[in-house]
Amino acid sequence: MNNLDKYGKNYLKYKIRFTHWKTGEELEEIGVMPPQYNNPNSDRYVIVTNKYITDIIKSTVISKELIDD
């Protein structure tokens, strides 16, 4: 995955494991977390993959790790 946004900014890539808020199923997303989508005061992380954008409720996160690309 190219970690550059449309303006050429490079973002760090993360792997986030979390439980689905409704079903409790354990899920995993790998992507970038652009700061313009991630307000520290929000109750959610926004992660952008090469296919879609996912919002993850912070209280459901099992682990969040920085990965090398």
N, C-alpha and C. Protein backbone atom coordinates (compact mmCIF):
# COMPACT_ATOMS: atom_id res chain seq x y z
N MET A 1 0.85 -1.19 0.00
CA MET A 1 0.00 0.00 0.00
C MET A 1 0.88 1.24 0.00
N ASN A 2 0.54 2.17 -0.80
CA ASN A 2 1.23 3.45 -0.83
C ASN A 2 0.72 4.30 0.32
N ASN A 3 1.60 4.75 1.20
CA ASN A 3 1.21 5.52 2.37
C ASN A 3 1.12 7.02 2.10
N LEU A 4 1.17 7.41 0.84
CA LEU A 4 1.09 8.83 0.49
C LEU A 4 -0.35 9.22 0.23
N ASP A 5 -0.75 10.37 0.76
CA ASP A 5 -2.09 10.87 0.44
C ASP A 5 -2.04 11.65 -0.87
N LYS A 6 -3.14 12.24 -1.26
CA LYS A 6 -3.20 12.94 -2.54
C LYS A 6 -2.32 14.18 -2.58
N TYR A 7 -1.85 14.64 -1.43
CA TYR A 7 -0.97 15.80 -1.38
C TYR A 7 0.49 15.40 -1.22
N GLY A 8 0.77 14.10 -1.23
CA GLY A 8 2.14 13.61 -1.12
C GLY A 8 2.65 13.46 0.31
N LYS A 9 1.76 13.59 1.30
CA LYS A 9 2.18 13.42 2.69
C LYS A 9 2.28 11.94 3.00
N ASN A 10 3.32 11.56 3.70
CA ASN A 10 3.54 10.17 4.07
C ASN A 10 3.03 9.94 5.49
N TYR A 11 2.23 8.89 5.69
CA TYR A 11 1.68 8.58 7.01
C TYR A 11 2.19 7.23 7.48
N LEU A 12 2.24 7.05 8.79
CA LEU A 12 2.65 5.79 9.37
C LEU A 12 1.53 4.76 9.23
N LYS A 13 1.92 3.50 9.06
CA LYS A 13 0.94 2.43 8.90
C LYS A 13 0.75 1.71 10.23
N TYR A 14 -0.50 1.40 10.55
CA TYR A 14 -0.85 0.74 11.80
C TYR A 14 -1.66 -0.52 11.55
N LYS A 15 -1.54 -1.46 12.49
CA LYS A 15 -2.42 -2.63 12.53
C LYS A 15 -3.21 -2.51 13.83
N ILE A 16 -4.53 -2.48 13.70
CA ILE A 16 -5.40 -2.36 14.86
C ILE A 16 -6.28 -3.60 14.96
N ARG A 17 -6.21 -4.27 16.10
CA ARG A 17 -7.10 -5.39 16.40
C ARG A 17 -8.17 -4.86 17.35
N PHE A 18 -9.42 -5.21 17.06
CA PHE A 18 -10.53 -4.70 17.86
C PHE A 18 -11.70 -5.67 17.81
N THR A 19 -12.65 -5.49 18.71
CA THR A 19 -13.87 -6.29 18.67
C THR A 19 -14.98 -5.46 18.06
N HIS A 20 -15.81 -6.11 17.25
CA HIS A 20 -16.95 -5.43 16.64
C HIS A 20 -17.88 -4.99 17.76
N TRP A 21 -18.33 -3.75 17.71
CA TRP A 21 -19.11 -3.18 18.80
C TRP A 21 -20.42 -3.91 19.06
N LYS A 22 -20.98 -4.56 18.05
CA LYS A 22 -22.27 -5.20 18.20
C LYS A 22 -22.17 -6.72 18.37
N THR A 23 -21.33 -7.37 17.56
CA THR A 23 -21.26 -8.84 17.56
C THR A 23 -20.18 -9.38 18.49
N GLY A 24 -19.18 -8.56 18.84
CA GLY A 24 -18.08 -9.03 19.67
C GLY A 24 -17.02 -9.78 18.88
N GLU A 25 -17.21 -9.92 17.56
CA GLU A 25 -16.24 -10.60 16.72
C GLU A 25 -14.92 -9.84 16.70
N GLU A 26 -13.80 -10.57 16.80
CA GLU A 26 -12.49 -9.93 16.76
C GLU A 26 -12.10 -9.66 15.30
N LEU A 27 -11.73 -8.42 15.01
CA LEU A 27 -11.39 -7.99 13.66
C LEU A 27 -10.03 -7.32 13.65
N GLU A 28 -9.49 -7.12 12.44
CA GLU A 28 -8.20 -6.46 12.29
C GLU A 28 -8.22 -5.58 11.05
N GLU A 29 -7.68 -4.39 11.15
CA GLU A 29 -7.52 -3.49 10.01
C GLU A 29 -6.08 -3.04 9.95
N ILE A 30 -5.56 -2.91 8.74
CA ILE A 30 -4.22 -2.40 8.51
C ILE A 30 -4.34 -1.22 7.55
N GLY A 31 -3.80 -0.08 7.96
CA GLY A 31 -3.87 1.10 7.11
C GLY A 31 -3.21 2.29 7.79
N VAL A 32 -3.44 3.45 7.23
CA VAL A 32 -2.87 4.68 7.77
C VAL A 32 -3.93 5.44 8.54
N MET A 33 -3.46 6.30 9.45
CA MET A 33 -4.36 7.10 10.28
C MET A 33 -4.05 8.58 10.09
N PRO A 34 -4.53 9.18 9.01
CA PRO A 34 -4.23 10.59 8.75
C PRO A 34 -4.75 11.48 9.89
N PRO A 35 -3.92 12.43 10.34
CA PRO A 35 -4.32 13.27 11.47
C PRO A 35 -5.57 14.12 11.21
N GLN A 36 -5.83 14.46 9.95
CA GLN A 36 -7.02 15.28 9.67
C GLN A 36 -8.31 14.49 9.91
N TYR A 37 -8.24 13.16 10.01
CA TYR A 37 -9.41 12.33 10.29
C TYR A 37 -9.44 11.86 11.74
N ASN A 38 -8.37 12.07 12.50
CA ASN A 38 -8.26 11.51 13.84
C ASN A 38 -8.10 12.60 14.89
N ASN A 39 -9.21 13.02 15.45
CA ASN A 39 -9.24 14.02 16.51
C ASN A 39 -8.95 13.32 17.83
N PRO A 40 -7.94 13.77 18.59
CA PRO A 40 -7.63 13.11 19.87
C PRO A 40 -8.79 13.13 20.86
N ASN A 41 -9.73 14.04 20.71
CA ASN A 41 -10.87 14.12 21.61
C ASN A 41 -12.03 13.21 21.20
N SER A 42 -11.91 12.59 20.05
CA SER A 42 -12.97 11.72 19.55
C SER A 42 -12.91 10.36 20.25
N ASP A 43 -14.04 9.65 20.23
CA ASP A 43 -14.07 8.29 20.80
C ASP A 43 -13.74 7.24 19.74
N ARG A 44 -13.27 7.68 18.56
CA ARG A 44 -13.00 6.75 17.46
C ARG A 44 -11.66 7.01 16.79
N TYR A 45 -11.09 5.92 16.26
CA TYR A 45 -9.96 6.02 15.34
C TYR A 45 -10.52 5.90 13.93
N VAL A 46 -9.93 6.62 13.00
CA VAL A 46 -10.28 6.48 11.59
C VAL A 46 -9.05 5.94 10.88
N ILE A 47 -9.20 4.78 10.25
CA ILE A 47 -8.09 4.14 9.56
C ILE A 47 -8.45 4.03 8.07
N VAL A 48 -7.51 4.41 7.23
CA VAL A 48 -7.72 4.41 5.78
C VAL A 48 -6.91 3.28 5.17
N THR A 49 -7.59 2.34 4.53
CA THR A 49 -6.92 1.26 3.81
C THR A 49 -6.92 1.62 2.33
N ASN A 50 -6.38 0.75 1.50
CA ASN A 50 -6.38 1.06 0.07
C ASN A 50 -7.74 0.79 -0.56
N LYS A 51 -8.72 0.31 0.21
CA LYS A 51 -10.06 0.05 -0.33
C LYS A 51 -11.16 0.89 0.31
N TYR A 52 -11.01 1.22 1.58
CA TYR A 52 -12.09 1.92 2.26
C TYR A 52 -11.59 2.63 3.52
N ILE A 53 -12.51 3.36 4.16
CA ILE A 53 -12.24 4.07 5.42
C ILE A 53 -13.07 3.40 6.51
N THR A 54 -12.43 3.11 7.64
CA THR A 54 -13.13 2.46 8.75
C THR A 54 -12.99 3.31 10.00
N ASP A 55 -14.09 3.46 10.73
CA ASP A 55 -13.99 4.10 12.05
C ASP A 55 -14.12 3.01 13.10
N ILE A 56 -13.24 3.10 14.10
CA ILE A 56 -13.15 2.08 15.13
C ILE A 56 -13.33 2.76 16.49
N ILE A 57 -14.27 2.27 17.28
CA ILE A 57 -14.50 2.83 18.61
C ILE A 57 -13.29 2.49 19.49
N LYS A 58 -12.69 3.51 20.07
CA LYS A 58 -11.45 3.32 20.84
C LYS A 58 -11.59 2.32 21.97
N SER A 59 -12.74 2.27 22.61
CA SER A 59 -12.92 1.35 23.75
C SER A 59 -12.97 -0.12 23.32
N THR A 60 -13.10 -0.40 22.01
CA THR A 60 -13.14 -1.78 21.53
C THR A 60 -11.77 -2.27 21.06
N VAL A 61 -10.76 -1.41 21.11
CA VAL A 61 -9.44 -1.76 20.60
C VAL A 61 -8.74 -2.74 21.55
N ILE A 62 -8.23 -3.83 20.96
CA ILE A 62 -7.45 -4.83 21.70
C ILE A 62 -5.98 -4.46 21.64
N SER A 63 -5.51 -4.11 20.44
CA SER A 63 -4.12 -3.70 20.28
C SER A 63 -3.99 -2.77 19.09
N LYS A 64 -3.00 -1.88 19.19
CA LYS A 64 -2.69 -0.94 18.11
C LYS A 64 -1.18 -0.94 17.98
N GLU A 65 -0.68 -1.35 16.82
CA GLU A 65 0.77 -1.39 16.66
C GLU A 65 1.19 -0.74 15.36
N LEU A 66 2.31 -0.08 15.44
CA LEU A 66 2.94 0.54 14.28
C LEU A 66 3.64 -0.56 13.51
N ILE A 67 3.44 -0.60 12.19
CA ILE A 67 4.10 -1.63 11.39
C ILE A 67 4.98 -0.99 10.33
N ASP A 68 6.06 -1.69 9.99
CA ASP A 68 6.95 -1.24 8.94
C ASP A 68 6.41 -1.67 7.61
N ASP A 69 6.54 -0.81 6.63
CA ASP A 69 6.04 -1.12 5.29
C ASP A 69 7.18 -1.53 4.38
